């Protein structure tokens, strides 16, 4: 299984909100991201579903500034798709 297929599988979380946010970013932003941002996305996917949902919905914050920027990008890609 290649990296993109593995990430597609990891982005399927079983909640509509998470699936939409993560898939939107994966299909657009991830493909043009630099290696550092791609690593941050993989790190973000390691969060538990409830924590990841809280972070992406703005109810909780991540620890680092780089992850905060990525979370903002993910939200922007989802809004742009709607």
PDB file of N, CA and C in Angstrom:
ATOM      1  N   UNK A   1       0.866  -1.183   0.000  1.00  0.00           N
ATOM      2  CA  UNK A   1       0.000   0.000   0.000  1.00  0.00           C
ATOM      3  C   UNK A   1       0.902   1.232   0.000  1.00  0.00           C
ATOM      4  N   UNK A   2       0.663   2.143  -0.914  1.00  0.00           N
ATOM      5  CA  UNK A   2       1.501   3.340  -0.964  1.00  0.00           C
ATOM      6  C   UNK A   2       1.077   4.361   0.097  1.00  0.00           C
ATOM      7  N   UNK A   3       1.915   5.377   0.273  1.00  0.00           N
ATOM      8  CA  UNK A   3       1.708   6.369   1.337  1.00  0.00           C
ATOM      9  C   UNK A   3       0.357   7.074   1.213  1.00  0.00           C
ATOM     10  N   UNK A   4      -0.012   7.506   0.023  1.00  0.00           N
ATOM     11  CA  UNK A   4      -1.273   8.227  -0.156  1.00  0.00           C
ATOM     12  C   UNK A   4      -2.480   7.340   0.151  1.00  0.00           C
ATOM     13  N   UNK A   5      -2.434   6.099  -0.278  1.00  0.00           N
ATOM     14  CA  UNK A   5      -3.528   5.171   0.019  1.00  0.00           C
ATOM     15  C   UNK A   5      -3.627   4.921   1.521  1.00  0.00           C
ATOM     16  N   UNK A   6      -2.490   4.808   2.188  1.00  0.00           N
ATOM     17  CA  UNK A   6      -2.481   4.599   3.637  1.00  0.00           C
ATOM     18  C   UNK A   6      -3.089   5.814   4.341  1.00  0.00           C
ATOM     19  N   UNK A   7      -2.744   7.007   3.889  1.00  0.00           N
ATOM     20  CA  UNK A   7      -3.294   8.226   4.487  1.00  0.00           C
ATOM     21  C   UNK A   7      -4.794   8.339   4.235  1.00  0.00           C
ATOM     22  N   UNK A   8      -5.232   7.962   3.039  1.00  0.00           N
ATOM     23  CA  UNK A   8      -6.665   7.974   2.741  1.00  0.00           C
ATOM     24  C   UNK A   8      -7.411   7.095   3.750  1.00  0.00           C
ATOM     25  N   UNK A   9      -6.830   5.943   4.038  1.00  0.00           N
ATOM     26  CA  UNK A   9      -7.446   5.028   4.987  1.00  0.00           C
ATOM     27  C   UNK A   9      -7.462   5.637   6.385  1.00  0.00           C
ATOM     28  N   UNK A  10      -6.365   6.294   6.787  1.00  0.00           N
ATOM     29  CA  UNK A  10      -6.286   6.908   8.106  1.00  0.00           C
ATOM     30  C   UNK A  10      -7.231   8.101   8.238  1.00  0.00           C
ATOM     31  N   UNK A  11      -7.580   8.728   7.130  1.00  0.00           N
ATOM     32  CA  UNK A  11      -8.487   9.874   7.157  1.00  0.00           C
ATOM     33  C   UNK A  11      -9.943   9.455   7.311  1.00  0.00           C
ATOM     34  N   UNK A  12     -10.238   8.206   7.119  1.00  0.00           N
ATOM     35  CA  UNK A  12     -11.607   7.703   7.298  1.00  0.00           C
ATOM     36  C   UNK A  12     -11.796   7.400   8.770  1.00  0.00           C
ATOM     37  N   UNK A  13     -12.450   8.296   9.482  1.00  0.00           N
ATOM     38  CA  UNK A  13     -12.557   8.195  10.920  1.00  0.00           C
ATOM     39  C   UNK A  13     -13.937   7.778  11.391  1.00  0.00           C
ATOM     40  N   UNK A  14     -14.919   7.739  10.510  1.00  0.00           N
ATOM     41  CA  UNK A  14     -16.241   7.299  10.904  1.00  0.00           C
ATOM     42  C   UNK A  14     -17.176   8.407  11.346  1.00  0.00           C
ATOM     43  N   UNK A  15     -16.675   9.619  11.407  1.00  0.00           N
ATOM     44  CA  UNK A  15     -17.568  10.751  11.673  1.00  0.00           C
ATOM     45  C   UNK A  15     -17.543  11.643  10.438  1.00  0.00           C
ATOM     46  N   UNK A  16     -18.696  12.089  10.069  1.00  0.00           N
ATOM     47  CA  UNK A  16     -18.832  12.878   8.853  1.00  0.00           C
ATOM     48  C   UNK A  16     -17.928  14.115   8.863  1.00  0.00           C
ATOM     49  N   UNK A  17     -17.878  14.798  10.009  1.00  0.00           N
ATOM     50  CA  UNK A  17     -17.095  16.025  10.116  1.00  0.00           C
ATOM     51  C   UNK A  17     -15.609  15.757   9.913  1.00  0.00           C
ATOM     52  N   UNK A  18     -15.092  14.749  10.605  1.00  0.00           N
ATOM     53  CA  UNK A  18     -13.675  14.430  10.451  1.00  0.00           C
ATOM     54  C   UNK A  18     -13.364  13.962   9.041  1.00  0.00           C
ATOM     55  N   UNK A  19     -14.189  13.105   8.515  1.00  0.00           N
ATOM     56  CA  UNK A  19     -13.964  12.609   7.161  1.00  0.00           C
ATOM     57  C   UNK A  19     -13.919  13.761   6.162  1.00  0.00           C
ATOM     58  N   UNK A  20     -14.845  14.683   6.257  1.00  0.00           N
ATOM     59  CA  UNK A  20     -14.884  15.814   5.344  1.00  0.00           C
ATOM     60  C   UNK A  20     -13.643  16.684   5.477  1.00  0.00           C
ATOM     61  N   UNK A  21     -13.291  17.047   6.688  1.00  0.00           N
ATOM     62  CA  UNK A  21     -12.131  17.909   6.910  1.00  0.00           C
ATOM     63  C   UNK A  21     -10.837  17.256   6.436  1.00  0.00           C
ATOM     64  N   UNK A  22     -10.625  16.026   6.825  1.00  0.00           N
ATOM     65  CA  UNK A  22      -9.366  15.357   6.502  1.00  0.00           C
ATOM     66  C   UNK A  22      -9.265  15.020   5.016  1.00  0.00           C
ATOM     67  N   UNK A  23     -10.340  14.535   4.422  1.00  0.00           N
ATOM     68  CA  UNK A  23     -10.309  14.202   2.998  1.00  0.00           C
ATOM     69  C   UNK A  23     -10.123  15.440   2.125  1.00  0.00           C
ATOM     70  N   UNK A  24     -10.760  16.537   2.510  1.00  0.00           N
ATOM     71  CA  UNK A  24     -10.607  17.779   1.739  1.00  0.00           C
ATOM     72  C   UNK A  24      -9.157  18.211   1.694  1.00  0.00           C
ATOM     73  N   UNK A  25      -8.504  18.164   2.846  1.00  0.00           N
ATOM     74  CA  UNK A  25      -7.094  18.560   2.892  1.00  0.00           C
ATOM     75  C   UNK A  25      -6.228  17.555   2.132  1.00  0.00           C
ATOM     76  N   UNK A  26      -6.464  16.278   2.339  1.00  0.00           N
ATOM     77  CA  UNK A  26      -5.640  15.262   1.695  1.00  0.00           C
ATOM     78  C   UNK A  26      -5.700  15.372   0.176  1.00  0.00           C
ATOM     79  N   UNK A  27      -6.880  15.613  -0.364  1.00  0.00           N
ATOM     80  CA  UNK A  27      -7.056  15.661  -1.815  1.00  0.00           C
ATOM     81  C   UNK A  27      -6.526  16.939  -2.444  1.00  0.00           C
ATOM     82  N   UNK A  28      -6.301  17.973  -1.658  1.00  0.00           N
ATOM     83  CA  UNK A  28      -5.847  19.239  -2.236  1.00  0.00           C
ATOM     84  C   UNK A  28      -4.541  19.726  -1.601  1.00  0.00           C
ATOM     85  N   UNK A  29      -4.577  20.020  -0.338  1.00  0.00           N
ATOM     86  CA  UNK A  29      -3.422  20.620   0.326  1.00  0.00           C
ATOM     87  C   UNK A  29      -2.247  19.686   0.498  1.00  0.00           C
ATOM     88  N   UNK A  30      -2.518  18.451   0.865  1.00  0.00           N
ATOM     89  CA  UNK A  30      -1.433  17.505   1.103  1.00  0.00           C
ATOM     90  C   UNK A  30      -0.612  17.279  -0.158  1.00  0.00           C
ATOM     91  N   UNK A  31      -1.262  17.227  -1.284  1.00  0.00           N
ATOM     92  CA  UNK A  31      -0.572  16.930  -2.542  1.00  0.00           C
ATOM     93  C   UNK A  31       0.461  17.981  -2.918  1.00  0.00           C
ATOM     94  N   UNK A  32       0.272  19.207  -2.461  1.00  0.00           N
ATOM     95  CA  UNK A  32       1.219  20.283  -2.785  1.00  0.00           C
ATOM     96  C   UNK A  32       2.043  20.715  -1.573  1.00  0.00           C
ATOM     97  N   UNK A  33       1.878  20.036  -0.456  1.00  0.00           N
ATOM     98  CA  UNK A  33       2.582  20.399   0.772  1.00  0.00           C
ATOM     99  C   UNK A  33       4.050  19.990   0.698  1.00  0.00           C
ATOM    100  N   UNK A  34       4.888  20.717   1.447  1.00  0.00           N
ATOM    101  CA  UNK A  34       6.287  20.320   1.543  1.00  0.00           C
ATOM    102  C   UNK A  34       6.415  19.148   2.515  1.00  0.00           C
ATOM    103  N   UNK A  35       7.602  18.591   2.600  1.00  0.00           N
ATOM    104  CA  UNK A  35       7.808  17.398   3.429  1.00  0.00           C
ATOM    105  C   UNK A  35       7.497  17.656   4.897  1.00  0.00           C
ATOM    106  N   UNK A  36       7.834  18.839   5.400  1.00  0.00           N
ATOM    107  CA  UNK A  36       7.572  19.155   6.805  1.00  0.00           C
ATOM    108  C   UNK A  36       6.071  19.148   7.103  1.00  0.00           C
ATOM    109  N   UNK A  37       5.295  19.765   6.206  1.00  0.00           N
ATOM    110  CA  UNK A  37       3.843  19.800   6.409  1.00  0.00           C
ATOM    111  C   UNK A  37       3.240  18.410   6.304  1.00  0.00           C
ATOM    112  N   UNK A  38       3.753  17.596   5.414  1.00  0.00           N
ATOM    113  CA  UNK A  38       3.267  16.225   5.287  1.00  0.00           C
ATOM    114  C   UNK A  38       3.528  15.444   6.570  1.00  0.00           C
ATOM    115  N   UNK A  39       4.690  15.636   7.169  1.00  0.00           N
ATOM    116  CA  UNK A  39       5.008  14.973   8.436  1.00  0.00           C
ATOM    117  C   UNK A  39       4.077  15.454   9.545  1.00  0.00           C
ATOM    118  N   UNK A  40       3.762  16.750   9.552  1.00  0.00           N
ATOM    119  CA  UNK A  40       2.842  17.297  10.549  1.00  0.00           C
ATOM    120  C   UNK A  40       1.446  16.699  10.394  1.00  0.00           C
ATOM    121  N   UNK A  41       1.012  16.495   9.155  1.00  0.00           N
ATOM    122  CA  UNK A  41      -0.299  15.898   8.906  1.00  0.00           C
ATOM    123  C   UNK A  41      -0.339  14.472   9.451  1.00  0.00           C
ATOM    124  N   UNK A  42       0.716  13.721   9.217  1.00  0.00           N
ATOM    125  CA  UNK A  42       0.791  12.354   9.744  1.00  0.00           C
ATOM    126  C   UNK A  42       0.751  12.387  11.267  1.00  0.00           C
ATOM    127  N   UNK A  43       1.453  13.346  11.865  1.00  0.00           N
ATOM    128  CA  UNK A  43       1.438  13.502  13.324  1.00  0.00           C
ATOM    129  C   UNK A  43       0.033  13.825  13.827  1.00  0.00           C
ATOM    130  N   UNK A  44      -0.657  14.692  13.108  1.00  0.00           N
ATOM    131  CA  UNK A  44      -2.016  15.065  13.484  1.00  0.00           C
ATOM    132  C   UNK A  44      -2.954  13.857  13.431  1.00  0.00           C
ATOM    133  N   UNK A  45      -2.756  13.009  12.444  1.00  0.00           N
ATOM    134  CA  UNK A  45      -3.599  11.818  12.295  1.00  0.00           C
ATOM    135  C   UNK A  45      -3.400  10.809  13.420  1.00  0.00           C
ATOM    136  N   UNK A  46      -2.338  10.951  14.179  1.00  0.00           N
ATOM    137  CA  UNK A  46      -2.082  10.045  15.302  1.00  0.00           C
ATOM    138  C   UNK A  46      -2.963  10.363  16.510  1.00  0.00           C
ATOM    139  N   UNK A  47      -3.623  11.522  16.510  1.00  0.00           N
ATOM    140  CA  UNK A  47      -4.514  11.873  17.613  1.00  0.00           C
ATOM    141  C   UNK A  47      -5.733  10.956  17.612  1.00  0.00           C
ATOM    142  N   UNK A  48      -6.276  10.739  18.790  1.00  0.00           N
ATOM    143  CA  UNK A  48      -7.527   9.979  18.907  1.00  0.00           C
ATOM    144  C   UNK A  48      -8.658  10.784  18.254  1.00  0.00           C
ATOM    145  N   UNK A  49      -9.684  10.092  17.798  1.00  0.00           N
ATOM    146  CA  UNK A  49     -10.774  10.739  17.075  1.00  0.00           C
ATOM    147  C   UNK A  49     -11.403  11.898  17.835  1.00  0.00           C
ATOM    148  N   UNK A  50     -11.709  11.700  19.105  1.00  0.00           N
ATOM    149  CA  UNK A  50     -12.367  12.756  19.863  1.00  0.00           C
ATOM    150  C   UNK A  50     -11.460  13.975  20.034  1.00  0.00           C
ATOM    151  N   UNK A  51     -10.175  13.740  20.240  1.00  0.00           N
ATOM    152  CA  UNK A  51      -9.229  14.852  20.369  1.00  0.00           C
ATOM    153  C   UNK A  51      -9.040  15.557  19.030  1.00  0.00           C
ATOM    154  N   UNK A  52      -8.935  14.790  17.957  1.00  0.00           N
ATOM    155  CA  UNK A  52      -8.764  15.363  16.627  1.00  0.00           C
ATOM    156  C   UNK A  52      -9.981  16.193  16.227  1.00  0.00           C
ATOM    157  N   UNK A  53     -11.164  15.694  16.515  1.00  0.00           N
ATOM    158  CA  UNK A  53     -12.381  16.438  16.215  1.00  0.00           C
ATOM    159  C   UNK A  53     -12.420  17.751  16.993  1.00  0.00           C
ATOM    160  N   UNK A  54     -12.074  17.706  18.263  1.00  0.00           N
ATOM    161  CA  UNK A  54     -12.057  18.921  19.084  1.00  0.00           C
ATOM    162  C   UNK A  54     -11.062  19.935  18.543  1.00  0.00           C
ATOM    163  N   UNK A  55      -9.911  19.475  18.103  1.00  0.00           N
ATOM    164  CA  UNK A  55      -8.890  20.378  17.552  1.00  0.00           C
ATOM    165  C   UNK A  55      -9.385  21.003  16.250  1.00  0.00           C
ATOM    166  N   UNK A  56      -9.917  20.186  15.353  1.00  0.00           N
ATOM    167  CA  UNK A  56     -10.346  20.694  14.050  1.00  0.00           C
ATOM    168  C   UNK A  56     -11.601  21.564  14.137  1.00  0.00           C
ATOM    169  N   UNK A  57     -12.396  21.372  15.176  1.00  0.00           N
ATOM    170  CA  UNK A  57     -13.595  22.191  15.371  1.00  0.00           C
ATOM    171  C   UNK A  57     -13.309  23.437  16.217  1.00  0.00           C
ATOM    172  N   UNK A  58     -12.078  23.588  16.651  1.00  0.00           N
ATOM    173  CA  UNK A  58     -11.705  24.779  17.407  1.00  0.00           C
ATOM    174  C   UNK A  58     -12.057  24.727  18.875  1.00  0.00           C
ATOM    175  N   UNK A  59     -12.399  23.556  19.372  1.00  0.00           N
ATOM    176  CA  UNK A  59     -12.758  23.409  20.782  1.00  0.00           C
ATOM    177  C   UNK A  59     -11.539  23.118  21.653  1.00  0.00           C
ATOM    178  N   UNK A  60     -10.439  22.777  21.027  1.00  0.00           N
ATOM    179  CA  UNK A  60      -9.195  22.462  21.713  1.00  0.00           C
ATOM    180  C   UNK A  60      -8.048  22.939  20.832  1.00  0.00           C
ATOM    181  N   UNK A  61      -6.873  23.074  21.407  1.00  0.00           N
ATOM    182  CA  UNK A  61      -5.718  23.524  20.625  1.00  0.00           C
ATOM    183  C   UNK A  61      -4.608  22.501  20.675  1.00  0.00           C
ATOM    184  N   UNK A  62      -3.799  22.500  19.633  1.00  0.00           N
ATOM    185  CA  UNK A  62      -2.615  21.651  19.591  1.00  0.00           C
ATOM    186  C   UNK A  62      -1.453  22.397  20.229  1.00  0.00           C
ATOM    187  N   UNK A  63      -0.397  21.670  20.534  1.00  0.00           N
ATOM    188  CA  UNK A  63       0.696  22.236  21.302  1.00  0.00           C
ATOM    189  C   UNK A  63       1.605  23.176  20.513  1.00  0.00           C
ATOM    190  N   UNK A  64       1.931  22.847  19.287  1.00  0.00           N
ATOM    191  CA  UNK A  64       2.926  23.623  18.552  1.00  0.00           C
ATOM    192  C   UNK A  64       2.298  24.578  17.549  1.00  0.00           C
ATOM    193  N   UNK A  65       3.040  25.627  17.259  1.00  0.00           N
ATOM    194  CA  UNK A  65       2.583  26.615  16.288  1.00  0.00           C
ATOM    195  C   UNK A  65       2.454  26.048  14.894  1.00  0.00           C
ATOM    196  N   UNK A  66       3.355  25.120  14.535  1.00  0.00           N
ATOM    197  CA  UNK A  66       3.302  24.525  13.209  1.00  0.00           C
ATOM    198  C   UNK A  66       2.019  23.719  13.033  1.00  0.00           C
ATOM    199  N   UNK A  67       1.652  22.974  14.065  1.00  0.00           N
ATOM    200  CA  UNK A  67       0.405  22.213  13.993  1.00  0.00           C
ATOM    201  C   UNK A  67      -0.806  23.139  13.956  1.00  0.00           C
ATOM    202  N   UNK A  68      -0.743  24.253  14.665  1.00  0.00           N
ATOM    203  CA  UNK A  68      -1.850  25.221  14.633  1.00  0.00           C
ATOM    204  C   UNK A  68      -2.057  25.735  13.216  1.00  0.00           C
ATOM    205  N   UNK A  69      -0.957  26.041  12.529  1.00  0.00           N
ATOM    206  CA  UNK A  69      -1.061  26.518  11.145  1.00  0.00           C
ATOM    207  C   UNK A  69      -1.672  25.447  10.242  1.00  0.00           C
ATOM    208  N   UNK A  70      -1.274  24.208  10.449  1.00  0.00           N
ATOM    209  CA  UNK A  70      -1.825  23.122   9.647  1.00  0.00           C
ATOM    210  C   UNK A  70      -3.320  22.955   9.912  1.00  0.00           C
ATOM    211  N   UNK A  71      -3.723  23.039  11.162  1.00  0.00           N
ATOM    212  CA  UNK A  71      -5.147  22.933  11.509  1.00  0.00           C
ATOM    213  C   UNK A  71      -5.937  24.037  10.799  1.00  0.00           C
ATOM    214  N   UNK A  72      -5.407  25.247  10.781  1.00  0.00           N
ATOM    215  CA  UNK A  72      -6.069  26.351  10.082  1.00  0.00           C
ATOM    216  C   UNK A  72      -6.177  26.060   8.590  1.00  0.00           C
ATOM    217  N   UNK A  73      -5.123  25.503   8.005  1.00  0.00           N
ATOM    218  CA  UNK A  73      -5.156  25.148   6.584  1.00  0.00           C
ATOM    219  C   UNK A  73      -6.223  24.104   6.306  1.00  0.00           C
ATOM    220  N   UNK A  74      -6.291  23.102   7.157  1.00  0.00           N
ATOM    221  CA  UNK A  74      -7.279  22.030   6.969  1.00  0.00           C
ATOM    222  C   UNK A  74      -8.689  22.609   7.009  1.00  0.00           C
ATOM    223  N   UNK A  75      -8.938  23.487   7.957  1.00  0.00           N
ATOM    224  CA  UNK A  75     -10.255  24.144   8.032  1.00  0.00           C
ATOM    225  C   UNK A  75     -10.532  24.953   6.771  1.00  0.00           C
ATOM    226  N   UNK A  76      -9.524  25.669   6.283  1.00  0.00           N
ATOM    227  CA  UNK A  76      -9.693  26.507   5.084  1.00  0.00           C
ATOM    228  C   UNK A  76     -10.017  25.661   3.859  1.00  0.00           C
ATOM    229  N   UNK A  77      -9.364  24.521   3.707  1.00  0.00           N
ATOM    230  CA  UNK A  77      -9.651  23.654   2.562  1.00  0.00           C
ATOM    231  C   UNK A  77     -11.073  23.131   2.609  1.00  0.00           C
ATOM    232  N   UNK A  78     -11.563  22.813   3.786  1.00  0.00           N
ATOM    233  CA  UNK A  78     -12.930  22.311   3.920  1.00  0.00           C
ATOM    234  C   UNK A  78     -13.940  23.419   3.589  1.00  0.00           C
ATOM    235  N   UNK A  79     -13.674  24.634   4.031  1.00  0.00           N
ATOM    236  CA  UNK A  79     -14.576  25.760   3.764  1.00  0.00           C
ATOM    237  C   UNK A  79     -14.571  26.068   2.270  1.00  0.00           C
ATOM    238  N   UNK A  80     -13.400  26.010   1.640  1.00  0.00           N
ATOM    239  CA  UNK A  80     -13.292  26.304   0.208  1.00  0.00           C
ATOM    240  C   UNK A  80     -14.058  25.293  -0.642  1.00  0.00           C
ATOM    241  N   UNK A  81     -14.173  24.079  -0.166  1.00  0.00           N
ATOM    242  CA  UNK A  81     -14.878  23.035  -0.913  1.00  0.00           C
ATOM    243  C   UNK A  81     -16.381  23.160  -0.840  1.00  0.00           C
ATOM    244  N   UNK A  82     -16.880  23.829   0.188  1.00  0.00           N
ATOM    245  CA  UNK A  82     -18.330  23.912   0.387  1.00  0.00           C
ATOM    246  C   UNK A  82     -18.933  24.910  -0.510  1.00  0.00           C
TER     247      UNK A  82
END
